[in-house]
Amino acid sequence: MKPAEEVLQDLTQSSNVSVHSDDALVGKVKAAITADDEKRKENEDEPLRRKPALVPILPTELPRQFEVTLWDVLHTLARATALSWRGAGRGLAEHWGALKYTQALAGAPGGAATGCAADLVP
């Protein structure tokens, strides 16, 4: 098993990501949304807030290939998950807590973890 310091260092390495966004992908996402909404309705769950319109990502908005770190990917997934499953305020609070935690794990330039006892109190 790798030491934590090595794992954290691996998360900062960049990787190339290709973007493929077209009308077919938008159609698949809309079909998944429709199925999810029907299931929620059957279970008598509250409807989710959704973007009003889905469109493919335009080439002018995002290059078809770019570099990203695993930290960036984990950050985006955590944020999207927290904000989608909870009310926006609760999700934002969870996201902020996760950011403080990962920043403490990353440590200061000298290698020591940052933060104080007050940061640990829920």
PDB file of N, CA and C in Angstrom:
ATOM      1  N   MET A   1       0.844  -1.178   0.000  1.00  0.00           N
ATOM      2  CA  MET A   1       0.000   0.000   0.000  1.00  0.00           C
ATOM      3  C   MET A   1       0.889   1.241   0.000  1.00  0.00           C
ATOM      4  N   LYS A   2       0.524   2.214  -0.819  1.00  0.00           N
ATOM      5  CA  LYS A   2       1.304   3.447  -0.897  1.00  0.00           C
ATOM      6  C   LYS A   2       1.106   4.286   0.364  1.00  0.00           C
ATOM      7  N   PRO A   3       2.134   5.004   0.761  1.00  0.00           N
ATOM      8  CA  PRO A   3       1.961   5.946   1.861  1.00  0.00           C
ATOM      9  C   PRO A   3       1.018   7.084   1.440  1.00  0.00           C
ATOM     10  N   ALA A   4       0.333   7.683   2.409  1.00  0.00           N
ATOM     11  CA  ALA A   4      -0.638   8.742   2.122  1.00  0.00           C
ATOM     12  C   ALA A   4       0.003   9.895   1.357  1.00  0.00           C
ATOM     13  N   GLU A   5       1.219  10.245   1.703  1.00  0.00           N
ATOM     14  CA  GLU A   5       1.890  11.362   1.031  1.00  0.00           C
ATOM     15  C   GLU A   5       2.049  11.079  -0.463  1.00  0.00           C
ATOM     16  N   GLU A   6       2.371   9.841  -0.794  1.00  0.00           N
ATOM     17  CA  GLU A   6       2.543   9.469  -2.203  1.00  0.00           C
ATOM     18  C   GLU A   6       1.204   9.483  -2.947  1.00  0.00           C
ATOM     19  N   VAL A   7       0.156   9.019  -2.283  1.00  0.00           N
ATOM     20  CA  VAL A   7      -1.178   9.028  -2.887  1.00  0.00           C
ATOM     21  C   VAL A   7      -1.624  10.460  -3.152  1.00  0.00           C
ATOM     22  N   LEU A   8      -1.430  11.335  -2.177  1.00  0.00           N
ATOM     23  CA  LEU A   8      -1.808  12.741  -2.356  1.00  0.00           C
ATOM     24  C   LEU A   8      -1.010  13.376  -3.483  1.00  0.00           C
ATOM     25  N   GLN A   9       0.260  13.012  -3.603  1.00  0.00           N
ATOM     26  CA  GLN A   9       1.084  13.542  -4.692  1.00  0.00           C
ATOM     27  C   GLN A   9       0.563  13.055  -6.047  1.00  0.00           C
ATOM     28  N   ASP A  10       0.132  11.790  -6.104  1.00  0.00           N
ATOM     29  CA  ASP A  10      -0.418  11.246  -7.350  1.00  0.00           C
ATOM     30  C   ASP A  10      -1.665  12.019  -7.796  1.00  0.00           C
ATOM     31  N   LEU A  11      -2.447  12.501  -6.832  1.00  0.00           N
ATOM     32  CA  LEU A  11      -3.668  13.231  -7.157  1.00  0.00           C
ATOM     33  C   LEU A  11      -3.400  14.578  -7.823  1.00  0.00           C
ATOM     34  N   THR A  12      -2.170  15.067  -7.713  1.00  0.00           N
ATOM     35  CA  THR A  12      -1.838  16.364  -8.307  1.00  0.00           C
ATOM     36  C   THR A  12      -1.285  16.234  -9.724  1.00  0.00           C
ATOM     37  N   GLN A  13      -1.064  15.011 -10.205  1.00  0.00           N
ATOM     38  CA  GLN A  13      -0.532  14.801 -11.547  1.00  0.00           C
ATOM     39  C   GLN A  13      -1.619  15.046 -12.598  1.00  0.00           C
ATOM     40  N   SER A  14      -1.271  15.752 -13.639  1.00  0.00           N
ATOM     41  CA  SER A  14      -2.234  16.067 -14.700  1.00  0.00           C
ATOM     42  C   SER A  14      -2.418  14.888 -15.650  1.00  0.00           C
ATOM     43  N   SER A  15      -3.617  14.796 -16.186  1.00  0.00           N
ATOM     44  CA  SER A  15      -3.939  13.802 -17.210  1.00  0.00           C
ATOM     45  C   SER A  15      -4.693  14.510 -18.328  1.00  0.00           C
ATOM     46  N   ASN A  16      -4.572  13.980 -19.531  1.00  0.00           N
ATOM     47  CA  ASN A  16      -5.323  14.522 -20.659  1.00  0.00           C
ATOM     48  C   ASN A  16      -6.725  13.941 -20.663  1.00  0.00           C
ATOM     49  N   VAL A  17      -7.703  14.789 -20.923  1.00  0.00           N
ATOM     50  CA  VAL A  17      -9.103  14.375 -20.979  1.00  0.00           C
ATOM     51  C   VAL A  17      -9.671  14.822 -22.322  1.00  0.00           C
ATOM     52  N   SER A  18     -10.369  13.917 -22.986  1.00  0.00           N
ATOM     53  CA  SER A  18     -11.044  14.256 -24.233  1.00  0.00           C
ATOM     54  C   SER A  18     -12.522  14.482 -23.954  1.00  0.00           C
ATOM     55  N   VAL A  19     -13.106  15.434 -24.641  1.00  0.00           N
ATOM     56  CA  VAL A  19     -14.517  15.766 -24.455  1.00  0.00           C
ATOM     57  C   VAL A  19     -15.280  15.388 -25.710  1.00  0.00           C
ATOM     58  N   HIS A  20     -16.352  14.638 -25.529  1.00  0.00           N
ATOM     59  CA  HIS A  20     -17.235  14.285 -26.642  1.00  0.00           C
ATOM     60  C   HIS A  20     -18.648  14.672 -26.216  1.00  0.00           C
ATOM     61  N   SER A  21     -19.202  15.662 -26.836  1.00  0.00           N
ATOM     62  CA  SER A  21     -20.532  16.140 -26.500  1.00  0.00           C
ATOM     63  C   SER A  21     -21.297  16.407 -27.784  1.00  0.00           C
ATOM     64  N   ASP A  22     -22.431  15.709 -27.944  1.00  0.00           N
ATOM     65  CA  ASP A  22     -23.242  15.912 -29.138  1.00  0.00           C
ATOM     66  C   ASP A  22     -24.708  15.680 -28.804  1.00  0.00           C
ATOM     67  N   ASP A  23     -25.562  15.810 -29.818  1.00  0.00           N
ATOM     68  CA  ASP A  23     -27.000  15.659 -29.600  1.00  0.00           C
ATOM     69  C   ASP A  23     -27.373  14.255 -29.121  1.00  0.00           C
ATOM     70  N   ALA A  24     -26.633  13.242 -29.562  1.00  0.00           N
ATOM     71  CA  ALA A  24     -26.925  11.870 -29.133  1.00  0.00           C
ATOM     72  C   ALA A  24     -26.703  11.723 -27.623  1.00  0.00           C
ATOM     73  N   LEU A  25     -25.623  12.311 -27.115  1.00  0.00           N
ATOM     74  CA  LEU A  25     -25.365  12.255 -25.677  1.00  0.00           C
ATOM     75  C   LEU A  25     -26.446  13.004 -24.903  1.00  0.00           C
ATOM     76  N   VAL A  26     -26.848  14.153 -25.400  1.00  0.00           N
ATOM     77  CA  VAL A  26     -27.921  14.920 -24.759  1.00  0.00           C
ATOM     78  C   VAL A  26     -29.201  14.085 -24.719  1.00  0.00           C
ATOM     79  N   GLY A  27     -29.500  13.376 -25.801  1.00  0.00           N
ATOM     80  CA  GLY A  27     -30.685  12.517 -25.843  1.00  0.00           C
ATOM     81  C   GLY A  27     -30.630  11.412 -24.798  1.00  0.00           C
ATOM     82  N   LYS A  28     -29.453  10.814 -24.618  1.00  0.00           N
ATOM     83  CA  LYS A  28     -29.307   9.758 -23.611  1.00  0.00           C
ATOM     84  C   LYS A  28     -29.490  10.317 -22.207  1.00  0.00           C
ATOM     85  N   VAL A  29     -28.957  11.496 -21.963  1.00  0.00           N
ATOM     86  CA  VAL A  29     -29.112  12.122 -20.641  1.00  0.00           C
ATOM     87  C   VAL A  29     -30.579  12.450 -20.393  1.00  0.00           C
ATOM     88  N   LYS A  30     -31.268  12.986 -21.401  1.00  0.00           N
ATOM     89  CA  LYS A  30     -32.692  13.302 -21.246  1.00  0.00           C
ATOM     90  C   LYS A  30     -33.507  12.044 -20.973  1.00  0.00           C
ATOM     91  N   ALA A  31     -33.175  10.929 -21.630  1.00  0.00           N
ATOM     92  CA  ALA A  31     -33.879   9.663 -21.391  1.00  0.00           C
ATOM     93  C   ALA A  31     -33.657   9.187 -19.960  1.00  0.00           C
ATOM     94  N   ALA A  32     -32.428   9.324 -19.467  1.00  0.00           N
ATOM     95  CA  ALA A  32     -32.136   8.931 -18.086  1.00  0.00           C
ATOM     96  C   ALA A  32     -32.885   9.823 -17.098  1.00  0.00           C
ATOM     97  N   ILE A  33     -32.975  11.110 -17.402  1.00  0.00           N
ATOM     98  CA  ILE A  33     -33.711  12.041 -16.537  1.00  0.00           C
ATOM     99  C   ILE A  33     -35.185  11.662 -16.494  1.00  0.00           C
ATOM    100  N   THR A  34     -35.754  11.358 -17.649  1.00  0.00           N
ATOM    101  CA  THR A  34     -37.163  10.980 -17.722  1.00  0.00           C
ATOM    102  C   THR A  34     -37.429   9.723 -16.902  1.00  0.00           C
ATOM    103  N   ALA A  35     -36.563   8.716 -17.037  1.00  0.00           N
ATOM    104  CA  ALA A  35     -36.721   7.475 -16.269  1.00  0.00           C
ATOM    105  C   ALA A  35     -36.601   7.746 -14.773  1.00  0.00           C
ATOM    106  N   ASP A  36     -35.645   8.589 -14.391  1.00  0.00           N
ATOM    107  CA  ASP A  36     -35.462   8.918 -12.980  1.00  0.00           C
ATOM    108  C   ASP A  36     -36.673   9.679 -12.442  1.00  0.00           C
ATOM    109  N   ASP A  37     -37.189  10.624 -13.212  1.00  0.00           N
ATOM    110  CA  ASP A  37     -38.360  11.391 -12.777  1.00  0.00           C
ATOM    111  C   ASP A  37     -39.580  10.497 -12.605  1.00  0.00           C
ATOM    112  N   GLU A  38     -39.764   9.528 -13.519  1.00  0.00           N
ATOM    113  CA  GLU A  38     -40.893   8.594 -13.402  1.00  0.00           C
ATOM    114  C   GLU A  38     -40.766   7.733 -12.151  1.00  0.00           C
ATOM    115  N   LYS A  39     -39.552   7.283 -11.868  1.00  0.00           N
ATOM    116  CA  LYS A  39     -39.329   6.473 -10.670  1.00  0.00           C
ATOM    117  C   LYS A  39     -39.600   7.295  -9.407  1.00  0.00           C
ATOM    118  N   ARG A  40     -39.153   8.544  -9.396  1.00  0.00           N
ATOM    119  CA  ARG A  40     -39.399   9.422  -8.250  1.00  0.00           C
ATOM    120  C   ARG A  40     -40.902   9.651  -8.063  1.00  0.00           C
ATOM    121  N   LYS A  41     -41.618   9.798  -9.186  1.00  0.00           N
ATOM    122  CA  LYS A  41     -43.062  10.025  -9.109  1.00  0.00           C
ATOM    123  C   LYS A  41     -43.768   8.794  -8.545  1.00  0.00           C
ATOM    124  N   GLU A  42     -43.351   7.593  -8.982  1.00  0.00           N
ATOM    125  CA  GLU A  42     -43.928   6.349  -8.462  1.00  0.00           C
ATOM    126  C   GLU A  42     -43.697   6.218  -6.958  1.00  0.00           C
ATOM    127  N   ASN A  43     -42.518   6.658  -6.507  1.00  0.00           N
ATOM    128  CA  ASN A  43     -42.189   6.576  -5.078  1.00  0.00           C
ATOM    129  C   ASN A  43     -42.726   7.766  -4.286  1.00  0.00           C
ATOM    130  N   GLU A  44     -43.439   8.652  -4.980  1.00  0.00           N
ATOM    131  CA  GLU A  44     -44.005   9.859  -4.381  1.00  0.00           C
ATOM    132  C   GLU A  44     -42.925  10.738  -3.757  1.00  0.00           C
ATOM    133  N   ASP A  45     -41.738  10.776  -4.387  1.00  0.00           N
ATOM    134  CA  ASP A  45     -40.649  11.651  -3.956  1.00  0.00           C
ATOM    135  C   ASP A  45     -40.829  13.029  -4.587  1.00  0.00           C
ATOM    136  N   GLU A  46     -40.227  14.006  -3.951  1.00  0.00           N
ATOM    137  CA  GLU A  46     -40.259  15.362  -4.487  1.00  0.00           C
ATOM    138  C   GLU A  46     -39.507  15.408  -5.820  1.00  0.00           C
ATOM    139  N   PRO A  47     -40.000  16.195  -6.766  1.00  0.00           N
ATOM    140  CA  PRO A  47     -39.243  16.327  -8.021  1.00  0.00           C
ATOM    141  C   PRO A  47     -37.935  17.079  -7.774  1.00  0.00           C
ATOM    142  N   LEU A  48     -36.917  16.724  -8.543  1.00  0.00           N
ATOM    143  CA  LEU A  48     -35.619  17.371  -8.412  1.00  0.00           C
ATOM    144  C   LEU A  48     -35.578  18.649  -9.233  1.00  0.00           C
ATOM    145  N   ARG A  49     -34.766  19.593  -8.766  1.00  0.00           N
ATOM    146  CA  ARG A  49     -34.520  20.783  -9.570  1.00  0.00           C
ATOM    147  C   ARG A  49     -33.576  20.382 -10.697  1.00  0.00           C
ATOM    148  N   ARG A  50     -33.918  20.763 -11.892  1.00  0.00           N
ATOM    149  CA  ARG A  50     -33.099  20.390 -13.041  1.00  0.00           C
ATOM    150  C   ARG A  50     -32.806  21.628 -13.879  1.00  0.00           C
ATOM    151  N   LYS A  51     -31.717  21.532 -14.624  1.00  0.00           N
ATOM    152  CA  LYS A  51     -31.428  22.596 -15.589  1.00  0.00           C
ATOM    153  C   LYS A  51     -32.584  22.641 -16.583  1.00  0.00           C
ATOM    154  N   PRO A  52     -33.010  23.832 -16.987  1.00  0.00           N
ATOM    155  CA  PRO A  52     -34.165  23.909 -17.887  1.00  0.00           C
ATOM    156  C   PRO A  52     -33.899  23.324 -19.273  1.00  0.00           C
ATOM    157  N   ALA A  53     -32.684  23.387 -19.749  1.00  0.00           N
ATOM    158  CA  ALA A  53     -32.408  22.875 -21.097  1.00  0.00           C
ATOM    159  C   ALA A  53     -31.004  22.280 -21.142  1.00  0.00           C
ATOM    160  N   LEU A  54     -30.896  21.139 -21.791  1.00  0.00           N
ATOM    161  CA  LEU A  54     -29.595  20.511 -21.999  1.00  0.00           C
ATOM    162  C   LEU A  54     -29.195  20.685 -23.451  1.00  0.00           C
ATOM    163  N   VAL A  55     -27.976  21.097 -23.663  1.00  0.00           N
ATOM    164  CA  VAL A  55     -27.438  21.246 -25.013  1.00  0.00           C
ATOM    165  C   VAL A  55     -26.009  20.724 -25.008  1.00  0.00           C
ATOM    166  N   PRO A  56     -25.510  20.303 -26.158  1.00  0.00           N
ATOM    167  CA  PRO A  56     -24.111  19.862 -26.219  1.00  0.00           C
ATOM    168  C   PRO A  56     -23.167  21.011 -25.853  1.00  0.00           C
ATOM    169  N   ILE A  57     -22.017  20.654 -25.309  1.00  0.00           N
ATOM    170  CA  ILE A  57     -21.000  21.658 -25.000  1.00  0.00           C
ATOM    171  C   ILE A  57     -20.415  22.139 -26.323  1.00  0.00           C
ATOM    172  N   LEU A  58     -20.430  23.424 -26.503  1.00  0.00           N
ATOM    173  CA  LEU A  58     -19.902  24.000 -27.745  1.00  0.00           C
ATOM    174  C   LEU A  58     -18.380  23.996 -27.726  1.00  0.00           C
ATOM    175  N   PRO A  59     -17.744  23.797 -28.864  1.00  0.00           N
ATOM    176  CA  PRO A  59     -16.274  23.808 -28.922  1.00  0.00           C
ATOM    177  C   PRO A  59     -15.669  25.124 -28.421  1.00  0.00           C
ATOM    178  N   THR A  60     -16.434  26.210 -28.522  1.00  0.00           N
ATOM    179  CA  THR A  60     -15.925  27.500 -28.045  1.00  0.00           C
ATOM    180  C   THR A  60     -15.945  27.601 -26.525  1.00  0.00           C
ATOM    181  N   GLU A  61     -16.743  26.751 -25.857  1.00  0.00           N
ATOM    182  CA  GLU A  61     -16.848  26.785 -24.401  1.00  0.00           C
ATOM    183  C   GLU A  61     -15.784  25.935 -23.713  1.00  0.00           C
ATOM    184  N   LEU A  62     -15.361  24.882 -24.368  1.00  0.00           N
ATOM    185  CA  LEU A  62     -14.419  23.949 -23.764  1.00  0.00           C
ATOM    186  C   LEU A  62     -13.632  23.272 -24.874  1.00  0.00           C
ATOM    187  N   PRO A  63     -12.314  23.256 -24.757  1.00  0.00           N
ATOM    188  CA  PRO A  63     -11.545  22.567 -25.797  1.00  0.00           C
ATOM    189  C   PRO A  63     -11.872  21.072 -25.804  1.00  0.00           C
ATOM    190  N   ARG A  64     -11.702  20.445 -26.936  1.00  0.00           N
ATOM    191  CA  ARG A  64     -12.010  19.014 -27.055  1.00  0.00           C
ATOM    192  C   ARG A  64     -11.023  18.142 -26.287  1.00  0.00           C
ATOM    193  N   GLN A  65      -9.897  18.702 -25.914  1.00  0.00           N
ATOM    194  CA  GLN A  65      -8.935  17.990 -25.084  1.00  0.00           C
ATOM    195  C   GLN A  65      -8.258  19.002 -24.163  1.00  0.00           C
ATOM    196  N   PHE A  66      -8.136  18.630 -22.888  1.00  0.00           N
ATOM    197  CA  PHE A  66      -7.495  19.517 -21.931  1.00  0.00           C
ATOM    198  C   PHE A  66      -6.886  18.691 -20.815  1.00  0.00           C
ATOM    199  N   GLU A  67      -6.090  19.327 -19.966  1.00  0.00           N
ATOM    200  CA  GLU A  67      -5.455  18.640 -18.842  1.00  0.00           C
ATOM    201  C   GLU A  67      -6.225  18.910 -17.566  1.00  0.00           C
ATOM    202  N   VAL A  68      -6.293  17.900 -16.721  1.00  0.00           N
ATOM    203  CA  VAL A  68      -6.985  18.008 -15.444  1.00  0.00           C
ATOM    204  C   VAL A  68      -6.290  17.098 -14.437  1.00  0.00           C
ATOM    205  N   THR A  69      -6.310  17.478 -13.166  1.00  0.00           N
ATOM    206  CA  THR A  69      -5.754  16.608 -12.127  1.00  0.00           C
ATOM    207  C   THR A  69      -6.874  15.778 -11.511  1.00  0.00           C
ATOM    208  N   LEU A  70      -6.508  14.688 -10.869  1.00  0.00           N
ATOM    209  CA  LEU A  70      -7.516  13.875 -10.192  1.00  0.00           C
ATOM    210  C   LEU A  70      -8.178  14.657  -9.062  1.00  0.00           C
ATOM    211  N   TRP A  71      -7.438  15.575  -8.425  1.00  0.00           N
ATOM    212  CA  TRP A  71      -8.040  16.445  -7.400  1.00  0.00           C
ATOM    213  C   TRP A  71      -9.211  17.206  -7.997  1.00  0.00           C
ATOM    214  N   ASP A  72      -9.006  17.760  -9.206  1.00  0.00           N
ATOM    215  CA  ASP A  72     -10.058  18.525  -9.875  1.00  0.00           C
ATOM    216  C   ASP A  72     -11.285  17.657 -10.133  1.00  0.00           C
ATOM    217  N   VAL A  73     -11.045  16.434 -10.589  1.00  0.00           N
ATOM    218  CA  VAL A  73     -12.152  15.518 -10.877  1.00  0.00           C
ATOM    219  C   VAL A  73     -12.896  15.170  -9.592  1.00  0.00           C
ATOM    220  N   LEU A  74     -12.165  14.797  -8.544  1.00  0.00           N
ATOM    221  CA  LEU A  74     -12.804  14.455  -7.270  1.00  0.00           C
ATOM    222  C   LEU A  74     -13.570  15.641  -6.699  1.00  0.00           C
ATOM    223  N   HIS A  75     -12.990  16.820  -6.808  1.00  0.00           N
ATOM    224  CA  HIS A  75     -13.632  18.034  -6.319  1.00  0.00           C
ATOM    225  C   HIS A  75     -14.960  18.274  -7.038  1.00  0.00           C
ATOM    226  N   THR A  76     -14.951  18.155  -8.356  1.00  0.00           N
ATOM    227  CA  THR A  76     -16.157  18.404  -9.139  1.00  0.00           C
ATOM    228  C   THR A  76     -17.228  17.360  -8.847  1.00  0.00           C
ATOM    229  N   LEU A  77     -16.831  16.086  -8.769  1.00  0.00           N
ATOM    230  CA  LEU A  77     -17.803  15.033  -8.458  1.00  0.00           C
ATOM    231  C   LEU A  77     -18.391  15.197  -7.057  1.00  0.00           C
ATOM    232  N   ALA A  78     -17.544  15.525  -6.084  1.00  0.00           N
ATOM    233  CA  ALA A  78     -18.029  15.716  -4.718  1.00  0.00           C
ATOM    234  C   ALA A  78     -18.993  16.890  -4.649  1.00  0.00           C
ATOM    235  N   ARG A  79     -18.649  17.962  -5.316  1.00  0.00           N
ATOM    236  CA  ARG A  79     -19.507  19.146  -5.314  1.00  0.00           C
ATOM    237  C   ARG A  79     -20.849  18.843  -5.971  1.00  0.00           C
ATOM    238  N   ALA A  80     -20.815  18.202  -7.121  1.00  0.00           N
ATOM    239  CA  ALA A  80     -22.052  17.877  -7.827  1.00  0.00           C
ATOM    240  C   ALA A  80     -22.922  16.936  -7.004  1.00  0.00           C
ATOM    241  N   THR A  81     -22.293  15.950  -6.370  1.00  0.00           N
ATOM    242  CA  THR A  81     -23.044  14.998  -5.553  1.00  0.00           C
ATOM    243  C   THR A  81     -23.666  15.681  -4.352  1.00  0.00           C
ATOM    244  N   ALA A  82     -22.870  16.468  -3.645  1.00  0.00           N
ATOM    245  CA  ALA A  82     -23.375  17.142  -2.448  1.00  0.00           C
ATOM    246  C   ALA A  82     -24.506  18.104  -2.783  1.00  0.00           C
ATOM    247  N   LEU A  83     -24.368  18.840  -3.861  1.00  0.00           N
ATOM    248  CA  LEU A  83     -25.386  19.830  -4.205  1.00  0.00           C
ATOM    249  C   LEU A  83     -26.627  19.207  -4.823  1.00  0.00           C
ATOM    250  N   SER A  84     -26.504  18.028  -5.419  1.00  0.00           N
ATOM    251  CA  SER A  84     -27.667  17.426  -6.059  1.00  0.00           C
ATOM    252  C   SER A  84     -28.504  16.595  -5.098  1.00  0.00           C
ATOM    253  N   TRP A  85     -27.914  16.018  -4.086  1.00  0.00           N
ATOM    254  CA  TRP A  85     -28.653  15.138  -3.181  1.00  0.00           C
ATOM    255  C   TRP A  85     -29.265  15.866  -2.007  1.00  0.00           C
ATOM    256  N   ARG A  86     -28.844  17.063  -1.753  1.00  0.00           N
ATOM    257  CA  ARG A  86     -29.330  17.814  -0.604  1.00  0.00           C
ATOM    258  C   ARG A  86     -29.819  19.169  -1.071  1.00  0.00           C
ATOM    259  N   GLY A  87     -30.383  19.903  -0.149  1.00  0.00           N
ATOM    260  CA  GLY A  87     -30.679  21.290  -0.463  1.00  0.00           C
ATOM    261  C   GLY A  87     -29.365  22.001  -0.740  1.00  0.00           C
ATOM    262  N   ALA A  88     -29.418  23.047  -1.525  1.00  0.00           N
ATOM    263  CA  ALA A  88     -28.191  23.738  -1.920  1.00  0.00           C
ATOM    264  C   ALA A  88     -27.392  24.214  -0.713  1.00  0.00           C
ATOM    265  N   GLY A  89     -28.052  24.704   0.320  1.00  0.00           N
ATOM    266  CA  GLY A  89     -27.341  25.187   1.513  1.00  0.00           C
ATOM    267  C   GLY A  89     -26.612  24.065   2.227  1.00  0.00           C
ATOM    268  N   ARG A  90     -27.275  22.945   2.406  1.00  0.00           N
ATOM    269  CA  ARG A  90     -26.661  21.797   3.082  1.00  0.00           C
ATOM    270  C   ARG A  90     -25.512  21.248   2.235  1.00  0.00           C
ATOM    271  N   GLY A  91     -25.741  21.166   0.938  1.00  0.00           N
ATOM    272  CA  GLY A  91     -24.694  20.671   0.042  1.00  0.00           C
ATOM    273  C   GLY A  91     -23.472  21.563   0.066  1.00  0.00           C
ATOM    274  N   LEU A  92     -23.695  22.868   0.092  1.00  0.00           N
ATOM    275  CA  LEU A  92     -22.581  23.802   0.132  1.00  0.00           C
ATOM    276  C   LEU A  92     -21.802  23.650   1.435  1.00  0.00           C
ATOM    277  N   ALA A  93     -22.510  23.462   2.549  1.00  0.00           N
ATOM    278  CA  ALA A  93     -21.840  23.267   3.838  1.00  0.00           C
ATOM    279  C   ALA A  93     -20.992  21.994   3.817  1.00  0.00           C
ATOM    280  N   GLU A  94     -21.522  20.919   3.249  1.00  0.00           N
ATOM    281  CA  GLU A  94     -20.761  19.673   3.159  1.00  0.00           C
ATOM    282  C   GLU A  94     -19.541  19.849   2.256  1.00  0.00           C
ATOM    283  N   HIS A  95     -19.740  20.550   1.161  1.00  0.00           N
ATOM    284  CA  HIS A  95     -18.643  20.795   0.231  1.00  0.00           C
ATOM    285  C   HIS A  95     -17.543  21.608   0.907  1.00  0.00           C
ATOM    286  N   TRP A  96     -17.908  22.636   1.633  1.00  0.00           N
ATOM    287  CA  TRP A  96     -16.931  23.472   2.330  1.00  0.00           C
ATOM    288  C   TRP A  96     -16.151  22.626   3.345  1.00  0.00           C
ATOM    289  N   GLY A  97     -16.849  21.776   4.089  1.00  0.00           N
ATOM    290  CA  GLY A  97     -16.184  20.906   5.049  1.00  0.00           C
ATOM    291  C   GLY A  97     -15.203  19.963   4.371  1.00  0.00           C
ATOM    292  N   ALA A  98     -15.588  19.418   3.216  1.00  0.00           N
ATOM    293  CA  ALA A  98     -14.699  18.521   2.487  1.00  0.00           C
ATOM    294  C   ALA A  98     -13.464  19.264   1.984  1.00  0.00           C
ATOM    295  N   LEU A  99     -13.651  20.498   1.532  1.00  0.00           N
ATOM    296  CA  LEU A  99     -12.504  21.285   1.076  1.00  0.00           C
ATOM    297  C   LEU A  99     -11.530  21.555   2.217  1.00  0.00           C
ATOM    298  N   LYS A 100     -12.055  21.916   3.379  1.00  0.00           N
ATOM    299  CA  LYS A 100     -11.183  22.175   4.529  1.00  0.00           C
ATOM    300  C   LYS A 100     -10.409  20.908   4.891  1.00  0.00           C
ATOM    301  N   TYR A 101     -11.074  19.772   4.827  1.00  0.00           N
ATOM    302  CA  TYR A 101     -10.446  18.499   5.166  1.00  0.00           C
ATOM    303  C   TYR A 101      -9.330  18.163   4.178  1.00  0.00           C
ATOM    304  N   THR A 102      -9.605  18.303   2.870  1.00  0.00           N
ATOM    305  CA  THR A 102      -8.581  17.958   1.888  1.00  0.00           C
ATOM    306  C   THR A 102      -7.416  18.935   1.921  1.00  0.00           C
ATOM    307  N   GLN A 103      -7.694  20.195   2.219  1.00  0.00           N
ATOM    308  CA  GLN A 103      -6.606  21.157   2.346  1.00  0.00           C
ATOM    309  C   GLN A 103      -5.721  20.806   3.533  1.00  0.00           C
ATOM    310  N   ALA A 104      -6.319  20.366   4.628  1.00  0.00           N
ATOM    311  CA  ALA A 104      -5.535  19.963   5.790  1.00  0.00           C
ATOM    312  C   ALA A 104      -4.700  18.728   5.467  1.00  0.00           C
ATOM    313  N   LEU A 105      -5.283  17.793   4.698  1.00  0.00           N
ATOM    314  CA  LEU A 105      -4.539  16.592   4.316  1.00  0.00           C
ATOM    315  C   LEU A 105      -3.373  16.926   3.392  1.00  0.00           C
ATOM    316  N   ALA A 106      -3.589  17.881   2.499  1.00  0.00           N
ATOM    317  CA  ALA A 106      -2.536  18.251   1.564  1.00  0.00           C
ATOM    318  C   ALA A 106      -1.342  18.828   2.312  1.00  0.00           C
ATOM    319  N   GLY A 107      -1.594  19.503   3.423  1.00  0.00           N
ATOM    320  CA  GLY A 107      -0.509  20.013   4.250  1.00  0.00           C
ATOM    321  C   GLY A 107       0.087  21.299   3.738  1.00  0.00           C
ATOM    322  N   ALA A 108       0.896  21.874   4.574  1.00  0.00           N
ATOM    323  CA  ALA A 108       1.583  23.115   4.248  1.00  0.00           C
ATOM    324  C   ALA A 108       2.829  22.793   3.430  1.00  0.00           C
ATOM    325  N   PRO A 109       3.459  23.801   2.828  1.00  0.00           N
ATOM    326  CA  PRO A 109       4.667  23.551   2.039  1.00  0.00           C
ATOM    327  C   PRO A 109       5.754  22.804   2.810  1.00  0.00           C
ATOM    328  N   GLY A 110       5.820  22.991   4.122  1.00  0.00           N
ATOM    329  CA  GLY A 110       6.822  22.305   4.932  1.00  0.00           C
ATOM    330  C   GLY A 110       6.478  20.862   5.226  1.00  0.00           C
ATOM    331  N   GLY A 111       5.282  20.422   4.844  1.00  0.00           N
ATOM    332  CA  GLY A 111       4.901  19.033   5.033  1.00  0.00           C
ATOM    333  C   GLY A 111       4.001  18.775   6.220  1.00  0.00           C
ATOM    334  N   ALA A 112       3.741  19.788   7.046  1.00  0.00           N
ATOM    335  CA  ALA A 112       2.887  19.593   8.213  1.00  0.00           C
ATOM    336  C   ALA A 112       1.441  19.890   7.847  1.00  0.00           C
ATOM    337  N   ALA A 113       0.513  19.168   8.458  1.00  0.00           N
ATOM    338  CA  ALA A 113      -0.901  19.432   8.224  1.00  0.00           C
ATOM    339  C   ALA A 113      -1.261  20.774   8.842  1.00  0.00           C
ATOM    340  N   THR A 114      -2.185  21.473   8.196  1.00  0.00           N
ATOM    341  CA  THR A 114      -2.608  22.771   8.698  1.00  0.00           C
ATOM    342  C   THR A 114      -3.933  22.630   9.410  1.00  0.00           C
ATOM    343  N   GLY A 115      -4.380  23.704  10.018  1.00  0.00           N
ATOM    344  CA  GLY A 115      -5.671  23.693  10.703  1.00  0.00           C
ATOM    345  C   GLY A 115      -5.462  23.811  12.206  1.00  0.00           C
ATOM    346  N   CYS A 116      -6.578  23.866  12.897  1.00  0.00           N
ATOM    347  CA  CYS A 116      -6.536  23.985  14.336  1.00  0.00           C
ATOM    348  C   CYS A 116      -7.648  23.162  14.932  1.00  0.00           C
ATOM    349  N   ALA A 117      -7.696  23.080  16.254  1.00  0.00           N
ATOM    350  CA  ALA A 117      -8.726  22.289  16.923  1.00  0.00           C
ATOM    351  C   ALA A 117     -10.111  22.793  16.591  1.00  0.00           C
ATOM    352  N   ALA A 118     -10.275  24.105  16.386  1.00  0.00           N
ATOM    353  CA  ALA A 118     -11.583  24.670  16.061  1.00  0.00           C
ATOM    354  C   ALA A 118     -12.109  24.123  14.731  1.00  0.00           C
ATOM    355  N   ASP A 119     -11.216  23.787  13.808  1.00  0.00           N
ATOM    356  CA  ASP A 119     -11.635  23.245  12.515  1.00  0.00           C
ATOM    357  C   ASP A 119     -12.217  21.840  12.650  1.00  0.00           C
ATOM    358  N   LEU A 120     -11.888  21.154  13.725  1.00  0.00           N
ATOM    359  CA  LEU A 120     -12.333  19.789  13.900  1.00  0.00           C
ATOM    360  C   LEU A 120     -13.712  19.702  14.553  1.00  0.00           C
ATOM    361  N   VAL A 121     -14.191  20.790  15.132  1.00  0.00           N
ATOM    362  CA  VAL A 121     -15.476  20.800  15.813  1.00  0.00           C
ATOM    363  C   VAL A 121     -16.568  20.880  14.765  1.00  0.00           C
ATOM    364  N   PRO A 122     -17.546  19.948  14.799  1.00  0.00           N
ATOM    365  CA  PRO A 122     -18.616  19.978  13.788  1.00  0.00           C
ATOM    366  C   PRO A 122     -19.540  21.159  13.974  1.00  0.00           C
TER     367      PRO A 122
END
